[in-house]
Amino acid sequence: MQSTEQKTIAIYADGAVIDDMRQMAKLPEVTGFTTNPSLMKRAGVTNYLTFAKQVVGEFPEASLSFEVFSQDPQKMQQEAEILSSLGKHVYVKIPILNLNGQPNTELIHQLAHAGIKLNITAVTTSEQVRLALEALDEQTPATISLFVGRVADTGADPTSFVNASVAMSHLHPNVDLLWASTREVDNIRQAQQAGIDIITVPPAILQKWLARREFTPEDVALDTVRGFDQDISTLGFSILDEVAEEAAVNE
């Protein structure tokens, strides 16, 4: 992906396991956290507000994104106001589309112009980026989350989507562009070269990224071969012994 300018990308950890978040918070590279309902379900969160308040209390200076749960615009507004009130660094995640496939631009406009920091999420096209930018307030900080990994999962090349989104968002100083659904370590380099402001990374991939300086490609090859050997030893397989046994049976 082509770079518009070189910059240091902000790194957020993605997840809802509080112990993982505590570990990631120790890393100077991590300056924020993103969550979503699916991650909370996977983490076993049973009370949303209790979890959100705990996260805000433990990481008061980190950028935090919490998503509304309702699909009803009036309830979404109420939820957004509640979540926003939890802390000064809280961004409220609003999906770009509702369940009918229609853009949530009216709600986004209303919330942003009320001064609520938003994270427009599940964005997969440059047209959706355009709609979000038009709905946002020019004075209220906001984030637009590009689900780059999910676009790539369809077999489509996300490069043009990313580049067009960067070009549009950079005309709005109050808006940060976030690379979401990170799939591999190299996405961090790709996002930075593309001019993305933030990338959100699952802890497992973040750990690999932090360890990247310790391994060369040759180290990876040797480590892989050693792993194969350990697994073979555990399995107890021996091709030659098995051939000999089969030959003895057939004599």
Protein backbone atom coordinates (compact mmCIF):
# COMPACT_ATOMS: atom_id res chain seq x y z
CA MET A 1 0.00 0.00 0.00
CA GLN A 2 1.32 3.42 -0.91
CA SER A 3 2.19 5.88 1.79
CA THR A 4 0.95 9.46 1.83
CA GLU A 5 3.42 10.31 4.58
CA GLN A 6 5.46 8.48 7.15
CA LYS A 7 4.12 8.69 10.67
CA THR A 8 4.19 6.71 13.87
CA ILE A 9 1.01 4.73 14.09
CA ALA A 10 -0.84 4.48 17.40
CA ILE A 11 -1.39 0.92 18.61
CA TYR A 12 -4.48 -0.16 20.52
CA ALA A 13 -5.08 -3.64 21.95
CA ASP A 14 -8.28 -5.35 20.85
CA GLY A 15 -10.15 -7.58 23.30
CA ALA A 16 -12.25 -7.82 26.44
CA VAL A 17 -10.25 -10.12 28.74
CA ILE A 18 -9.32 -7.85 31.62
CA ASP A 19 -6.13 -9.79 32.48
CA ASP A 20 -4.93 -9.47 28.88
CA MET A 21 -5.70 -5.76 28.96
CA ARG A 22 -3.63 -5.37 32.12
CA GLN A 23 -0.67 -7.05 30.46
CA MET A 24 -1.01 -4.98 27.29
CA ALA A 25 -1.29 -1.76 29.35
CA LYS A 26 2.25 -2.37 30.61
CA LEU A 27 3.58 -1.93 27.09
CA PRO A 28 4.54 1.65 26.20
CA GLU A 29 3.49 1.00 22.60
CA VAL A 30 -0.14 0.42 23.61
CA THR A 31 -2.09 3.64 24.18
CA GLY A 32 -5.68 2.45 23.89
CA PHE A 33 -8.16 -0.42 23.86
CA THR A 34 -11.05 -1.39 21.64
CA THR A 35 -13.85 -3.81 22.46
CA ASN A 36 -17.01 -5.06 20.79
CA PRO A 37 -19.99 -7.26 21.76
CA SER A 38 -18.49 -10.37 20.13
CA LEU A 39 -15.25 -9.98 22.07
CA MET A 40 -17.19 -9.48 25.29
CA LYS A 41 -19.20 -12.63 24.66
CA ARG A 42 -16.00 -14.57 24.01
CA ALA A 43 -14.44 -13.18 27.20
CA GLY A 44 -17.45 -14.14 29.32
CA VAL A 45 -18.44 -10.59 30.26
CA THR A 46 -21.81 -10.81 32.04
CA ASN A 47 -22.44 -7.17 32.98
CA TYR A 48 -21.52 -4.59 30.36
CA LEU A 49 -21.52 -1.47 32.53
CA THR A 50 -19.61 -3.16 35.35
CA PHE A 51 -16.96 -4.21 32.82
CA ALA A 52 -16.83 -0.78 31.17
CA LYS A 53 -16.50 1.03 34.49
CA GLN A 54 -13.72 -1.33 35.55
CA VAL A 55 -11.83 -0.70 32.31
CA VAL A 56 -12.18 3.08 32.65
CA GLY A 57 -11.08 2.87 36.28
CA GLU A 58 -8.00 0.76 35.56
CA PHE A 59 -6.91 2.61 32.39
CA PRO A 60 -8.08 6.20 32.91
CA GLU A 61 -5.64 7.78 30.43
CA ALA A 62 -6.07 5.26 27.63
CA SER A 63 -8.34 5.78 24.66
CA LEU A 64 -11.26 3.35 25.10
CA SER A 65 -13.95 2.30 22.65
CA PHE A 66 -17.22 0.76 23.86
CA GLU A 67 -20.03 -0.20 21.49
CA VAL A 68 -23.76 0.41 21.84
CA PHE A 69 -25.88 -2.74 21.97
CA SER A 70 -29.29 -1.64 20.70
CA GLN A 71 -30.41 -1.29 17.09
CA ASP A 72 -33.19 1.16 17.96
CA PRO A 73 -31.95 4.72 17.28
CA GLN A 74 -33.51 6.21 20.41
CA LYS A 75 -32.05 3.51 22.64
CA MET A 76 -28.70 3.78 20.83
CA GLN A 77 -28.64 7.48 21.66
CA GLN A 78 -29.34 6.77 25.33
CA GLU A 79 -26.69 4.06 25.45
CA ALA A 80 -24.18 6.36 23.75
CA GLU A 81 -24.79 9.08 26.32
CA ILE A 82 -24.31 6.61 29.18
CA LEU A 83 -21.10 5.15 27.74
CA SER A 84 -19.67 8.57 26.89
CA SER A 85 -20.25 9.75 30.46
CA LEU A 86 -17.95 7.02 31.85
CA GLY A 87 -14.75 8.87 31.03
CA LYS A 88 -13.17 11.68 29.03
CA HIS A 89 -11.26 9.26 26.78
CA VAL A 90 -14.24 7.05 25.94
CA TYR A 91 -15.28 6.74 22.30
CA VAL A 92 -18.71 5.27 21.60
CA LYS A 93 -18.79 2.74 18.78
CA ILE A 94 -21.68 3.17 16.35
CA PRO A 95 -21.95 0.73 13.42
CA ILE A 96 -22.04 2.53 10.08
CA LEU A 97 -25.07 0.44 9.03
CA ASN A 98 -28.21 -0.73 10.79
CA LEU A 99 -29.64 -4.25 10.42
CA ASN A 100 -31.53 -3.18 7.30
CA GLY A 101 -28.32 -2.09 5.60
CA GLN A 102 -29.12 1.60 5.93
CA PRO A 103 -26.49 4.06 7.18
CA ASN A 104 -26.78 5.33 10.76
CA THR A 105 -25.80 8.81 9.60
CA GLU A 106 -28.68 10.65 11.28
CA LEU A 107 -27.76 9.20 14.67
CA ILE A 108 -24.05 9.80 14.04
CA HIS A 109 -24.77 13.43 13.17
CA GLN A 110 -26.91 13.92 16.27
CA LEU A 111 -24.40 12.36 18.67
CA ALA A 112 -21.31 14.01 17.18
CA HIS A 113 -22.91 17.45 17.21
CA ALA A 114 -23.82 16.86 20.86
CA GLY A 115 -20.09 16.55 21.56
CA ILE A 116 -19.94 12.76 22.00
CA LYS A 117 -16.72 11.20 20.74
CA LEU A 118 -17.60 8.43 18.29
CA ASN A 119 -15.89 5.43 16.77
CA ILE A 120 -17.75 4.63 13.55
CA THR A 121 -17.28 0.89 13.23
CA ALA A 122 -17.74 -1.97 10.74
CA VAL A 123 -16.76 0.28 7.83
CA THR A 124 -15.88 -1.69 4.70
CA THR A 125 -16.21 0.73 1.76
CA SER A 126 -14.90 4.19 0.90
CA GLU A 127 -18.52 5.29 0.34
CA GLN A 128 -19.26 4.43 3.97
CA VAL A 129 -16.24 6.53 4.99
CA ARG A 130 -17.61 9.45 2.98
CA LEU A 131 -21.01 9.14 4.63
CA ALA A 132 -19.45 9.00 8.10
CA LEU A 133 -17.28 12.05 7.46
CA GLU A 134 -20.26 14.05 6.22
CA ALA A 135 -22.27 13.15 9.33
CA LEU A 136 -19.56 13.88 11.89
CA ASP A 137 -19.03 17.24 13.56
CA GLU A 138 -15.88 19.09 12.54
CA GLN A 139 -15.08 20.01 16.15
CA THR A 140 -15.74 16.72 17.95
CA PRO A 141 -12.97 14.09 17.92
CA ALA A 142 -13.94 10.90 16.12
CA THR A 143 -12.52 7.64 14.80
CA ILE A 144 -13.53 5.68 11.72
CA SER A 145 -12.70 1.97 11.93
CA LEU A 146 -11.89 0.30 8.62
CA PHE A 147 -12.46 -3.46 8.80
CA VAL A 148 -9.57 -4.14 6.46
CA GLY A 149 -9.07 -7.76 7.50
CA ARG A 150 -12.71 -8.61 6.88
CA VAL A 151 -12.56 -7.05 3.41
CA ALA A 152 -9.45 -9.12 2.66
CA ASP A 153 -11.24 -12.23 3.97
CA THR A 154 -13.67 -11.94 1.05
CA GLY A 155 -10.78 -12.29 -1.40
CA ALA A 156 -10.86 -8.60 -2.34
CA ASP A 157 -7.73 -6.45 -2.32
CA PRO A 158 -8.37 -3.72 0.31
CA THR A 159 -5.63 -1.40 -0.98
CA SER A 160 -7.83 1.01 -2.93
CA PHE A 161 -10.36 1.09 -0.07
CA VAL A 162 -7.63 1.98 2.42
CA ASN A 163 -5.95 4.59 0.19
CA ALA A 164 -9.22 6.33 -0.68
CA SER A 165 -10.24 6.38 2.99
CA VAL A 166 -6.92 7.90 4.02
CA ALA A 167 -7.20 10.62 1.37
CA MET A 168 -10.69 11.58 2.54
CA SER A 169 -10.08 11.40 6.28
CA HIS A 170 -6.91 13.50 6.19
CA LEU A 171 -9.07 16.44 5.13
CA HIS A 172 -10.70 16.24 8.58
CA PRO A 173 -8.12 16.96 11.35
CA ASN A 174 -10.50 15.85 14.11
CA VAL A 175 -10.94 12.36 12.62
CA ASP A 176 -8.56 9.44 13.11
CA LEU A 177 -8.63 6.46 10.77
CA LEU A 178 -8.28 3.06 12.44
CA TRP A 179 -7.23 -0.25 10.82
CA ALA A 180 -9.42 -2.94 12.39
CA SER A 181 -9.73 -6.73 12.08
CA THR A 182 -5.96 -7.11 12.06
CA ARG A 183 -4.97 -10.56 10.82
CA GLU A 184 -1.15 -10.64 10.90
CA VAL A 185 1.90 -8.79 12.20
CA ASP A 186 2.70 -7.24 8.82
CA ASN A 187 -0.62 -5.40 8.89
CA ILE A 188 1.00 -2.96 11.34
CA ARG A 189 3.65 -2.02 8.77
CA GLN A 190 1.05 -1.85 6.01
CA ALA A 191 -1.21 0.40 8.05
CA GLN A 192 1.61 2.78 8.94
CA GLN A 193 2.84 3.01 5.34
CA ALA A 194 -0.71 3.71 4.18
CA GLY A 195 -0.99 6.69 6.53
CA ILE A 196 -3.48 5.13 8.94
CA ASP A 197 -3.57 6.83 12.35
CA ILE A 198 -4.36 3.83 14.59
CA ILE A 199 -4.30 0.07 14.36
CA THR A 200 -6.07 -2.19 16.83
CA VAL A 201 -4.30 -5.50 17.40
CA PRO A 202 -5.33 -8.69 19.24
CA PRO A 203 -2.93 -9.58 22.08
CA ALA A 204 -1.62 -12.72 20.34
CA ILE A 205 -0.58 -10.76 17.25
CA LEU A 206 0.75 -7.90 19.37
CA GLN A 207 3.04 -10.31 21.23
CA LYS A 208 4.41 -11.56 17.91
CA TRP A 209 5.00 -7.97 16.82
CA LEU A 210 6.90 -7.17 20.00
CA ALA A 211 9.09 -10.26 19.52
CA ARG A 212 9.81 -9.50 15.87
CA ARG A 213 13.33 -8.17 16.50
CA GLU A 214 14.36 -11.42 18.19
CA PHE A 215 13.83 -13.65 15.15
CA THR A 216 15.22 -13.78 11.62
CA PRO A 217 13.50 -15.79 8.86
CA GLU A 218 16.18 -18.44 9.43
CA ASP A 219 15.25 -18.56 13.12
CA VAL A 220 11.63 -19.12 12.16
CA ALA A 221 12.57 -21.99 9.86
CA LEU A 222 14.68 -23.69 12.54
CA ASP A 223 12.02 -23.16 15.20
CA THR A 224 9.42 -24.72 12.87
CA VAL A 225 11.59 -27.77 12.20
CA ARG A 226 12.20 -28.20 15.93
CA GLY A 227 8.46 -28.02 16.53
CA PHE A 228 7.88 -30.75 13.93
CA ASP A 229 10.51 -32.91 15.60
CA GLN A 230 8.98 -32.49 19.05
CA ASP A 231 5.54 -33.40 17.73
CA ILE A 232 6.93 -36.45 15.92
CA SER A 233 8.58 -37.59 19.15
CA THR A 234 5.31 -37.15 21.02
CA LEU A 235 3.39 -39.10 18.39
CA GLY A 236 5.98 -41.89 18.38
CA PHE A 237 5.80 -42.27 14.61
CA SER A 238 8.59 -43.99 12.65
CA ILE A 239 8.08 -44.57 8.94
CA LEU A 240 10.94 -47.07 8.69
CA ASP A 241 9.81 -49.04 11.76
CA GLU A 242 6.27 -49.16 10.43
CA VAL A 243 7.48 -50.43 7.04
CA ALA A 244 9.57 -53.09 8.76
CA GLU A 245 6.60 -54.17 10.88
CA GLU A 246 4.37 -54.37 7.82
CA ALA A 247 6.97 -56.42 5.95
CA ALA A 248 7.31 -58.83 8.88
CA VAL A 249 3.55 -59.34 8.98
CA ASN A 250 3.48 -60.11 5.25
CA GLU A 251 6.31 -62.68 5.38
